[in-house]
N, C-alpha and C. Protein backbone atom coordinates (compact mmCIF):
# COMPACT_ATOMS: atom_id res chain seq x y z
N UNK A 1 11.75 -10.54 14.42
CA UNK A 1 13.18 -10.49 14.18
C UNK A 1 13.43 -10.78 12.71
N UNK A 2 14.06 -9.86 12.02
CA UNK A 2 14.34 -10.01 10.60
C UNK A 2 15.68 -10.69 10.38
N UNK A 3 16.68 -10.29 11.09
CA UNK A 3 17.99 -10.94 10.99
C UNK A 3 18.72 -10.76 12.31
N UNK A 4 19.90 -11.33 12.42
CA UNK A 4 20.69 -11.18 13.64
C UNK A 4 21.12 -9.73 13.85
N UNK A 5 21.32 -9.00 12.77
CA UNK A 5 21.80 -7.63 12.86
C UNK A 5 20.68 -6.60 13.01
N UNK A 6 19.51 -6.89 12.46
CA UNK A 6 18.44 -5.91 12.43
C UNK A 6 17.21 -6.48 13.11
N UNK A 7 16.74 -5.79 14.14
CA UNK A 7 15.51 -6.21 14.81
C UNK A 7 14.38 -5.27 14.39
N UNK A 8 13.32 -5.85 13.87
CA UNK A 8 12.15 -5.07 13.48
C UNK A 8 10.94 -5.72 14.11
N UNK A 9 10.16 -4.92 14.81
CA UNK A 9 8.93 -5.42 15.42
C UNK A 9 7.86 -5.45 14.33
N UNK A 10 7.71 -6.60 13.70
CA UNK A 10 6.76 -6.71 12.59
C UNK A 10 5.32 -6.81 13.08
N UNK A 11 5.12 -6.80 14.39
CA UNK A 11 3.76 -6.82 14.94
C UNK A 11 3.17 -5.42 15.05
N UNK A 12 4.01 -4.40 15.07
CA UNK A 12 3.48 -3.04 15.15
C UNK A 12 2.88 -2.67 13.80
N UNK A 13 1.89 -1.80 13.80
CA UNK A 13 1.21 -1.52 12.53
C UNK A 13 2.04 -0.80 11.48
N UNK A 14 2.92 0.09 11.90
CA UNK A 14 3.67 0.89 10.93
C UNK A 14 5.17 0.69 11.06
N UNK A 15 5.81 0.45 9.92
CA UNK A 15 7.27 0.42 9.88
C UNK A 15 7.77 1.81 9.47
N UNK A 16 8.93 2.19 9.94
CA UNK A 16 9.58 3.39 9.43
C UNK A 16 10.12 3.04 8.05
N UNK A 17 10.56 4.04 7.30
CA UNK A 17 11.13 3.76 5.99
C UNK A 17 12.40 2.91 6.13
N UNK A 18 13.23 3.21 7.13
CA UNK A 18 14.43 2.41 7.32
C UNK A 18 14.09 0.96 7.66
N UNK A 19 13.09 0.75 8.51
CA UNK A 19 12.66 -0.60 8.84
C UNK A 19 12.10 -1.31 7.61
N UNK A 20 11.33 -0.59 6.80
CA UNK A 20 10.77 -1.18 5.58
C UNK A 20 11.88 -1.55 4.60
N UNK A 21 12.92 -0.72 4.50
CA UNK A 21 14.06 -1.03 3.63
C UNK A 21 14.74 -2.31 4.10
N UNK A 22 14.95 -2.44 5.41
CA UNK A 22 15.58 -3.64 5.97
C UNK A 22 14.68 -4.86 5.75
N UNK A 23 13.39 -4.69 5.94
CA UNK A 23 12.40 -5.75 5.73
C UNK A 23 12.46 -6.24 4.28
N UNK A 24 12.44 -5.28 3.34
CA UNK A 24 12.49 -5.61 1.92
C UNK A 24 13.80 -6.29 1.56
N UNK A 25 14.91 -5.73 2.02
CA UNK A 25 16.23 -6.30 1.71
C UNK A 25 16.35 -7.72 2.24
N UNK A 26 15.87 -7.95 3.45
CA UNK A 26 15.94 -9.29 4.03
C UNK A 26 15.17 -10.30 3.17
N UNK A 27 13.94 -9.98 2.84
CA UNK A 27 13.11 -10.91 2.07
C UNK A 27 13.65 -11.12 0.67
N UNK A 28 14.16 -10.07 0.05
CA UNK A 28 14.77 -10.23 -1.27
C UNK A 28 16.02 -11.11 -1.18
N UNK A 29 16.79 -10.97 -0.10
CA UNK A 29 17.99 -11.80 0.07
C UNK A 29 17.64 -13.27 0.25
N UNK A 30 16.40 -13.54 0.64
CA UNK A 30 15.91 -14.90 0.81
C UNK A 30 15.30 -15.44 -0.49
N UNK A 31 15.40 -14.64 -1.57
CA UNK A 31 14.88 -15.05 -2.87
C UNK A 31 13.37 -14.85 -3.02
N UNK A 32 12.79 -14.08 -2.12
CA UNK A 32 11.35 -13.84 -2.18
C UNK A 32 11.04 -12.66 -3.09
N UNK A 33 9.88 -12.72 -3.73
CA UNK A 33 9.41 -11.65 -4.60
C UNK A 33 8.67 -10.62 -3.77
N UNK A 34 9.14 -9.38 -3.82
CA UNK A 34 8.54 -8.28 -3.06
C UNK A 34 7.53 -7.54 -3.92
N UNK A 35 6.30 -7.49 -3.45
CA UNK A 35 5.22 -6.78 -4.13
C UNK A 35 4.93 -5.52 -3.33
N UNK A 36 4.71 -4.42 -4.04
CA UNK A 36 4.44 -3.13 -3.40
C UNK A 36 3.19 -2.51 -3.99
N UNK A 37 2.37 -1.94 -3.11
CA UNK A 37 1.27 -1.11 -3.56
C UNK A 37 1.10 0.02 -2.57
N UNK A 38 0.28 0.98 -2.94
CA UNK A 38 0.05 2.12 -2.06
C UNK A 38 -1.35 2.67 -2.27
N UNK A 39 -1.78 3.47 -1.32
CA UNK A 39 -3.07 4.12 -1.43
C UNK A 39 -3.49 4.73 -0.12
N UNK A 40 -4.68 5.31 -0.11
CA UNK A 40 -5.22 5.91 1.11
C UNK A 40 -5.85 4.85 2.02
N UNK A 41 -6.57 3.91 1.43
CA UNK A 41 -7.23 2.84 2.18
C UNK A 41 -8.00 3.42 3.38
N UNK A 42 -8.83 4.41 3.09
CA UNK A 42 -9.51 5.16 4.15
C UNK A 42 -10.60 4.35 4.85
N UNK A 43 -11.62 3.97 4.13
CA UNK A 43 -12.66 3.10 4.69
C UNK A 43 -12.54 1.78 3.95
N UNK A 44 -12.03 0.79 4.65
CA UNK A 44 -11.77 -0.50 4.01
C UNK A 44 -13.07 -1.16 3.58
N UNK A 45 -13.09 -1.70 2.37
CA UNK A 45 -14.27 -2.38 1.83
C UNK A 45 -13.82 -3.61 1.05
N UNK A 46 -14.77 -4.36 0.56
CA UNK A 46 -14.48 -5.62 -0.14
C UNK A 46 -13.55 -5.42 -1.34
N UNK A 47 -13.68 -4.31 -2.01
CA UNK A 47 -12.80 -4.02 -3.14
C UNK A 47 -11.34 -3.94 -2.72
N UNK A 48 -11.08 -3.29 -1.58
CA UNK A 48 -9.71 -3.22 -1.06
C UNK A 48 -9.18 -4.61 -0.73
N UNK A 49 -10.00 -5.41 -0.07
CA UNK A 49 -9.55 -6.74 0.35
C UNK A 49 -9.25 -7.62 -0.86
N UNK A 50 -10.11 -7.57 -1.86
CA UNK A 50 -9.86 -8.34 -3.08
C UNK A 50 -8.59 -7.85 -3.77
N UNK A 51 -8.43 -6.55 -3.85
CA UNK A 51 -7.26 -5.95 -4.47
C UNK A 51 -5.97 -6.41 -3.77
N UNK A 52 -5.95 -6.34 -2.45
CA UNK A 52 -4.77 -6.73 -1.70
C UNK A 52 -4.49 -8.23 -1.83
N UNK A 53 -5.53 -9.03 -1.87
CA UNK A 53 -5.36 -10.48 -2.07
C UNK A 53 -4.74 -10.77 -3.43
N UNK A 54 -5.21 -10.10 -4.46
CA UNK A 54 -4.66 -10.29 -5.80
C UNK A 54 -3.23 -9.77 -5.89
N UNK A 55 -2.95 -8.66 -5.21
CA UNK A 55 -1.59 -8.12 -5.20
C UNK A 55 -0.64 -9.12 -4.54
N UNK A 56 -1.03 -9.66 -3.41
CA UNK A 56 -0.18 -10.63 -2.70
C UNK A 56 0.08 -11.86 -3.57
N UNK A 57 -0.90 -12.27 -4.36
CA UNK A 57 -0.75 -13.45 -5.22
C UNK A 57 0.31 -13.24 -6.30
N UNK A 58 0.75 -12.01 -6.50
CA UNK A 58 1.77 -11.71 -7.51
C UNK A 58 3.19 -11.92 -6.99
N UNK A 59 3.32 -12.29 -5.73
CA UNK A 59 4.64 -12.49 -5.16
C UNK A 59 4.56 -13.18 -3.81
N UNK A 60 5.62 -13.01 -3.04
CA UNK A 60 5.71 -13.67 -1.74
C UNK A 60 5.42 -12.75 -0.57
N UNK A 61 5.80 -11.49 -0.69
CA UNK A 61 5.71 -10.54 0.41
C UNK A 61 5.03 -9.27 -0.11
N UNK A 62 3.99 -8.82 0.59
CA UNK A 62 3.27 -7.61 0.18
C UNK A 62 3.52 -6.48 1.17
N UNK A 63 4.08 -5.39 0.65
CA UNK A 63 4.30 -4.17 1.42
C UNK A 63 3.30 -3.13 0.92
N UNK A 64 2.58 -2.51 1.85
CA UNK A 64 1.59 -1.49 1.52
C UNK A 64 2.02 -0.17 2.14
N UNK A 65 2.14 0.85 1.32
CA UNK A 65 2.43 2.20 1.81
C UNK A 65 1.13 2.99 1.79
N UNK A 66 0.82 3.62 2.91
CA UNK A 66 -0.42 4.41 2.97
C UNK A 66 -0.09 5.89 3.08
N UNK A 67 -0.94 6.69 2.45
CA UNK A 67 -0.81 8.13 2.54
C UNK A 67 -1.04 8.58 3.98
N UNK A 68 -0.22 9.52 4.44
CA UNK A 68 -0.43 10.11 5.76
C UNK A 68 -1.76 10.87 5.76
N UNK A 69 -2.23 11.21 6.95
CA UNK A 69 -3.46 11.99 7.04
C UNK A 69 -3.34 13.31 6.28
N UNK A 70 -2.21 13.99 6.40
CA UNK A 70 -2.01 15.26 5.68
C UNK A 70 -2.04 15.05 4.18
N UNK A 71 -1.42 13.98 3.71
CA UNK A 71 -1.40 13.68 2.28
C UNK A 71 -2.81 13.38 1.78
N UNK A 72 -3.58 12.61 2.55
CA UNK A 72 -4.97 12.30 2.14
C UNK A 72 -5.78 13.59 2.03
N UNK A 73 -5.62 14.48 3.01
CA UNK A 73 -6.34 15.76 2.96
C UNK A 73 -6.01 16.53 1.69
N UNK A 74 -4.73 16.56 1.33
CA UNK A 74 -4.33 17.28 0.11
C UNK A 74 -4.94 16.64 -1.13
N UNK A 75 -5.00 15.31 -1.15
CA UNK A 75 -5.49 14.60 -2.34
C UNK A 75 -7.02 14.49 -2.41
N UNK A 76 -7.66 14.32 -1.25
CA UNK A 76 -9.09 13.99 -1.23
C UNK A 76 -9.97 15.12 -0.67
N UNK A 77 -9.36 16.12 -0.04
CA UNK A 77 -10.13 17.22 0.52
C UNK A 77 -10.11 17.24 2.04
N UNK A 78 -10.54 18.35 2.60
CA UNK A 78 -10.46 18.60 4.04
C UNK A 78 -11.27 17.61 4.89
N UNK A 79 -12.29 17.00 4.35
CA UNK A 79 -13.12 16.07 5.13
C UNK A 79 -12.53 14.66 5.21
N UNK A 80 -11.45 14.45 4.56
CA UNK A 80 -10.82 13.13 4.55
C UNK A 80 -9.45 13.24 5.20
N UNK A 81 -8.93 12.20 5.73
CA UNK A 81 -9.49 10.85 5.78
C UNK A 81 -10.56 10.73 6.87
N UNK A 82 -11.38 9.73 6.74
CA UNK A 82 -12.37 9.41 7.76
C UNK A 82 -11.66 8.73 8.93
N UNK A 83 -10.80 7.78 8.62
CA UNK A 83 -10.03 7.04 9.63
C UNK A 83 -8.60 7.56 9.67
N UNK A 84 -8.03 7.64 10.86
CA UNK A 84 -6.66 8.15 11.02
C UNK A 84 -5.65 7.19 10.41
N UNK A 85 -4.46 7.71 10.16
CA UNK A 85 -3.39 6.89 9.58
C UNK A 85 -3.04 5.71 10.48
N UNK A 86 -3.07 5.89 11.78
CA UNK A 86 -2.75 4.77 12.67
C UNK A 86 -3.85 3.72 12.65
N UNK A 87 -5.10 4.14 12.57
CA UNK A 87 -6.20 3.17 12.46
C UNK A 87 -6.14 2.43 11.13
N UNK A 88 -5.89 3.17 10.05
CA UNK A 88 -5.81 2.54 8.73
C UNK A 88 -4.67 1.54 8.69
N UNK A 89 -3.54 1.92 9.30
CA UNK A 89 -2.38 1.01 9.33
C UNK A 89 -2.69 -0.25 10.13
N UNK A 90 -3.34 -0.09 11.27
CA UNK A 90 -3.66 -1.24 12.12
C UNK A 90 -4.59 -2.21 11.39
N UNK A 91 -5.58 -1.69 10.71
CA UNK A 91 -6.51 -2.54 9.97
C UNK A 91 -5.78 -3.28 8.85
N UNK A 92 -5.01 -2.55 8.06
CA UNK A 92 -4.28 -3.17 6.94
C UNK A 92 -3.29 -4.22 7.42
N UNK A 93 -2.54 -3.89 8.45
CA UNK A 93 -1.51 -4.81 8.95
C UNK A 93 -2.13 -6.13 9.41
N UNK A 94 -3.37 -6.09 9.81
CA UNK A 94 -4.02 -7.30 10.31
C UNK A 94 -4.80 -8.06 9.25
N UNK A 95 -4.68 -7.65 8.00
CA UNK A 95 -5.26 -8.41 6.89
C UNK A 95 -4.27 -9.48 6.46
N UNK A 96 -4.76 -10.65 6.19
CA UNK A 96 -3.92 -11.80 5.85
C UNK A 96 -2.92 -11.53 4.73
N UNK A 97 -3.30 -10.87 3.64
CA UNK A 97 -2.33 -10.70 2.54
C UNK A 97 -1.21 -9.71 2.84
N UNK A 98 -1.38 -8.83 3.81
CA UNK A 98 -0.44 -7.73 4.04
C UNK A 98 0.65 -8.14 5.01
N UNK A 99 1.90 -7.99 4.58
CA UNK A 99 3.04 -8.36 5.41
C UNK A 99 3.65 -7.16 6.13
N UNK A 100 3.57 -5.99 5.55
CA UNK A 100 4.15 -4.80 6.18
C UNK A 100 3.42 -3.56 5.67
N UNK A 101 3.36 -2.55 6.56
CA UNK A 101 2.70 -1.29 6.23
C UNK A 101 3.63 -0.16 6.65
N UNK A 102 3.76 0.83 5.78
CA UNK A 102 4.48 2.04 6.16
C UNK A 102 3.71 3.25 5.65
N UNK A 103 4.07 4.39 6.18
CA UNK A 103 3.39 5.64 5.91
C UNK A 103 4.26 6.51 5.02
N UNK A 104 3.64 7.29 4.14
CA UNK A 104 4.41 8.29 3.39
C UNK A 104 3.68 9.61 3.41
N UNK A 105 4.44 10.69 3.50
CA UNK A 105 3.91 12.05 3.65
C UNK A 105 3.67 12.75 2.33
N UNK A 106 4.41 12.36 1.30
CA UNK A 106 4.30 13.02 0.00
C UNK A 106 2.99 12.66 -0.68
N UNK A 107 2.70 13.35 -1.77
CA UNK A 107 1.50 13.04 -2.53
C UNK A 107 1.67 11.78 -3.37
N UNK A 108 2.91 11.40 -3.64
CA UNK A 108 3.18 10.16 -4.37
C UNK A 108 4.16 9.31 -3.56
N UNK A 109 4.18 8.00 -3.82
CA UNK A 109 5.09 7.12 -3.09
C UNK A 109 6.46 6.94 -3.76
N UNK A 110 6.83 7.84 -4.65
CA UNK A 110 8.05 7.64 -5.43
C UNK A 110 9.28 7.40 -4.55
N UNK A 111 9.46 8.19 -3.51
CA UNK A 111 10.65 8.01 -2.67
C UNK A 111 10.64 6.66 -1.96
N UNK A 112 9.47 6.16 -1.62
CA UNK A 112 9.36 4.83 -0.99
C UNK A 112 9.71 3.75 -2.00
N UNK A 113 9.20 3.87 -3.21
CA UNK A 113 9.48 2.90 -4.27
C UNK A 113 10.98 2.89 -4.57
N UNK A 114 11.59 4.06 -4.64
CA UNK A 114 13.03 4.14 -4.88
C UNK A 114 13.81 3.46 -3.76
N UNK A 115 13.34 3.60 -2.54
CA UNK A 115 14.04 3.02 -1.39
C UNK A 115 13.87 1.50 -1.32
N UNK A 116 12.68 1.01 -1.63
CA UNK A 116 12.40 -0.43 -1.49
C UNK A 116 12.74 -1.24 -2.74
N UNK A 117 12.69 -0.61 -3.90
CA UNK A 117 12.91 -1.29 -5.19
C UNK A 117 12.17 -2.62 -5.27
N UNK A 118 10.84 -2.57 -5.26
CA UNK A 118 10.06 -3.81 -5.30
C UNK A 118 10.24 -4.55 -6.62
N UNK A 119 9.98 -5.86 -6.56
CA UNK A 119 10.02 -6.69 -7.77
C UNK A 119 8.76 -6.48 -8.60
N UNK A 120 7.65 -6.23 -7.91
CA UNK A 120 6.37 -6.01 -8.57
C UNK A 120 5.72 -4.77 -7.95
N UNK A 121 5.33 -3.83 -8.79
CA UNK A 121 4.61 -2.63 -8.39
C UNK A 121 3.19 -2.79 -8.90
N UNK A 122 2.21 -2.64 -8.02
CA UNK A 122 0.82 -2.87 -8.37
C UNK A 122 -0.02 -1.64 -8.06
N UNK A 123 -0.94 -1.31 -8.98
CA UNK A 123 -1.91 -0.23 -8.76
C UNK A 123 -3.26 -0.71 -9.29
N UNK A 124 -4.28 0.06 -8.94
CA UNK A 124 -5.63 -0.25 -9.39
C UNK A 124 -5.80 -0.04 -10.88
N UNK A 125 -6.83 -0.67 -11.42
CA UNK A 125 -7.10 -0.64 -12.84
C UNK A 125 -7.44 0.71 -13.41
N UNK A 126 -7.63 1.71 -12.55
CA UNK A 126 -7.90 3.06 -13.06
C UNK A 126 -6.61 3.75 -13.52
N UNK A 127 -5.48 3.11 -13.29
CA UNK A 127 -4.19 3.62 -13.73
C UNK A 127 -3.74 2.90 -14.99
N UNK A 128 -3.24 3.66 -15.96
CA UNK A 128 -2.56 3.06 -17.11
C UNK A 128 -1.14 2.76 -16.64
N UNK A 129 -0.62 1.62 -17.02
CA UNK A 129 0.71 1.20 -16.56
C UNK A 129 1.75 2.29 -16.82
N UNK A 130 1.69 2.91 -17.99
CA UNK A 130 2.70 3.92 -18.32
C UNK A 130 2.60 5.17 -17.45
N UNK A 131 1.49 5.36 -16.73
CA UNK A 131 1.32 6.54 -15.86
C UNK A 131 1.57 6.24 -14.38
N UNK A 132 1.87 5.02 -14.05
CA UNK A 132 2.05 4.65 -12.64
C UNK A 132 3.36 5.23 -12.11
N UNK A 133 3.24 5.96 -11.01
CA UNK A 133 4.40 6.56 -10.36
C UNK A 133 5.36 5.46 -9.94
N UNK A 134 6.62 5.60 -10.29
CA UNK A 134 7.63 4.63 -9.92
C UNK A 134 7.86 3.55 -10.95
N UNK A 135 7.08 3.55 -12.02
CA UNK A 135 7.22 2.52 -13.05
C UNK A 135 8.65 2.44 -13.58
N UNK A 136 9.22 3.60 -13.92
CA UNK A 136 10.57 3.61 -14.50
C UNK A 136 11.60 3.01 -13.54
N UNK A 137 11.47 3.34 -12.26
CA UNK A 137 12.41 2.85 -11.25
C UNK A 137 12.32 1.33 -11.14
N UNK A 138 11.10 0.82 -11.06
CA UNK A 138 10.90 -0.63 -10.91
C UNK A 138 11.37 -1.37 -12.15
N UNK A 139 10.99 -0.89 -13.32
CA UNK A 139 11.40 -1.56 -14.56
C UNK A 139 12.90 -1.50 -14.76
N UNK A 140 13.53 -0.37 -14.40
CA UNK A 140 14.99 -0.25 -14.53
C UNK A 140 15.70 -1.25 -13.62
N UNK A 141 15.06 -1.61 -12.52
CA UNK A 141 15.62 -2.59 -11.60
C UNK A 141 15.27 -4.02 -11.96
N UNK A 142 14.63 -4.22 -13.10
CA UNK A 142 14.26 -5.56 -13.54
C UNK A 142 12.91 -6.04 -13.07
N UNK A 143 12.15 -5.15 -12.42
CA UNK A 143 10.83 -5.53 -11.92
C UNK A 143 9.72 -5.30 -12.93
N UNK A 144 8.50 -5.62 -12.52
CA UNK A 144 7.34 -5.45 -13.38
C UNK A 144 6.31 -4.55 -12.72
N UNK A 145 5.47 -3.97 -13.53
CA UNK A 145 4.40 -3.09 -13.07
C UNK A 145 3.08 -3.63 -13.61
N UNK A 146 2.11 -3.80 -12.71
CA UNK A 146 0.84 -4.41 -13.09
C UNK A 146 -0.32 -3.63 -12.50
N UNK A 147 -1.49 -3.83 -13.11
CA UNK A 147 -2.72 -3.25 -12.57
C UNK A 147 -3.70 -4.37 -12.24
N UNK A 148 -4.61 -4.03 -11.33
CA UNK A 148 -5.66 -4.97 -10.91
C UNK A 148 -7.00 -4.27 -11.09
N UNK A 149 -7.93 -4.93 -11.77
CA UNK A 149 -9.26 -4.36 -11.97
C UNK A 149 -9.98 -4.19 -10.64
N UNK A 150 -10.77 -3.14 -10.56
CA UNK A 150 -11.56 -2.89 -9.36
C UNK A 150 -12.74 -3.84 -9.25
N UNK A 151 -13.17 -4.11 -8.04
CA UNK A 151 -14.40 -4.84 -7.80
C UNK A 151 -15.53 -3.85 -8.03
N UNK A 152 -16.35 -4.14 -9.01
CA UNK A 152 -17.41 -3.22 -9.44
C UNK A 152 -18.29 -2.77 -8.27
N UNK A 153 -18.57 -1.47 -8.23
CA UNK A 153 -19.50 -0.91 -7.25
C UNK A 153 -18.93 -0.73 -5.86
N UNK A 154 -17.63 -0.92 -5.68
CA UNK A 154 -17.03 -0.74 -4.36
C UNK A 154 -16.05 0.41 -4.42
N UNK A 155 -16.26 1.39 -3.55
CA UNK A 155 -15.32 2.50 -3.42
C UNK A 155 -15.55 3.18 -2.09
N UNK A 156 -14.52 3.84 -1.59
CA UNK A 156 -14.66 4.58 -0.34
C UNK A 156 -15.65 5.72 -0.52
N UNK A 157 -15.55 6.44 -1.64
CA UNK A 157 -16.47 7.54 -1.90
C UNK A 157 -17.91 7.03 -1.95
N UNK A 158 -18.14 5.89 -2.61
CA UNK A 158 -19.47 5.30 -2.67
C UNK A 158 -19.99 4.92 -1.29
N UNK A 159 -19.11 4.39 -0.46
CA UNK A 159 -19.50 4.03 0.90
C UNK A 159 -19.89 5.27 1.69
N UNK A 160 -19.10 6.32 1.58
CA UNK A 160 -19.42 7.57 2.28
C UNK A 160 -20.76 8.12 1.81
N UNK A 161 -21.00 8.07 0.49
CA UNK A 161 -22.28 8.56 -0.05
C UNK A 161 -23.46 7.75 0.48
N UNK A 162 -23.30 6.42 0.58
CA UNK A 162 -24.37 5.58 1.12
C UNK A 162 -24.68 5.93 2.58
N UNK A 163 -23.64 6.12 3.35
CA UNK A 163 -23.85 6.47 4.78
C UNK A 163 -24.55 7.82 4.89
N UNK A 164 -24.08 8.79 4.16
CA UNK A 164 -24.72 10.13 4.20
C UNK A 164 -26.17 10.07 3.77
N UNK A 165 -26.46 9.32 2.72
CA UNK A 165 -27.85 9.19 2.22
C UNK A 165 -28.74 8.53 3.26
N UNK A 166 -28.20 7.60 4.01
CA UNK A 166 -28.99 6.89 5.03
C UNK A 166 -29.41 7.81 6.18
N UNK A 167 -28.69 8.89 6.37
CA UNK A 167 -28.97 9.80 7.48
C UNK A 167 -29.53 11.15 7.05
N UNK A 168 -29.99 11.22 5.82
CA UNK A 168 -30.61 12.49 5.35
C UNK A 168 -32.08 12.46 5.60
């Protein structure tokens, strides 16, 4: 229960955009800092967990938007994702740092960022701050945009390559 007027089942893995907007608005109204990040999060590994923990440490509430299966296919190729959007959402939602998860169909999360107006927008260290999608929106709203360095040697592609090599 988010408020007397809006009921959101925060135990389910995926929020709709409207539910995420209500979730964000409620927490912001309580003076909490809303942190937002996004990604495919296909095969979860230690790098993802460290990244999400560091993102959560930048505020009070962490919202993670994940690419839909169709979006992942467009970005990563026909063989991806390995795990379905519902499985990825369930895994993420059950990680300690993650407070809410929603799905987006587009190739970028710009419309989600515009809707939620996070206080802190976070991306991986492979992004230059000036190139992060949604930076202008967040900064115009008084928020900040930050990057987090990757945990060396951890990646979904690397994990897939290790598994394939083990079975050749």
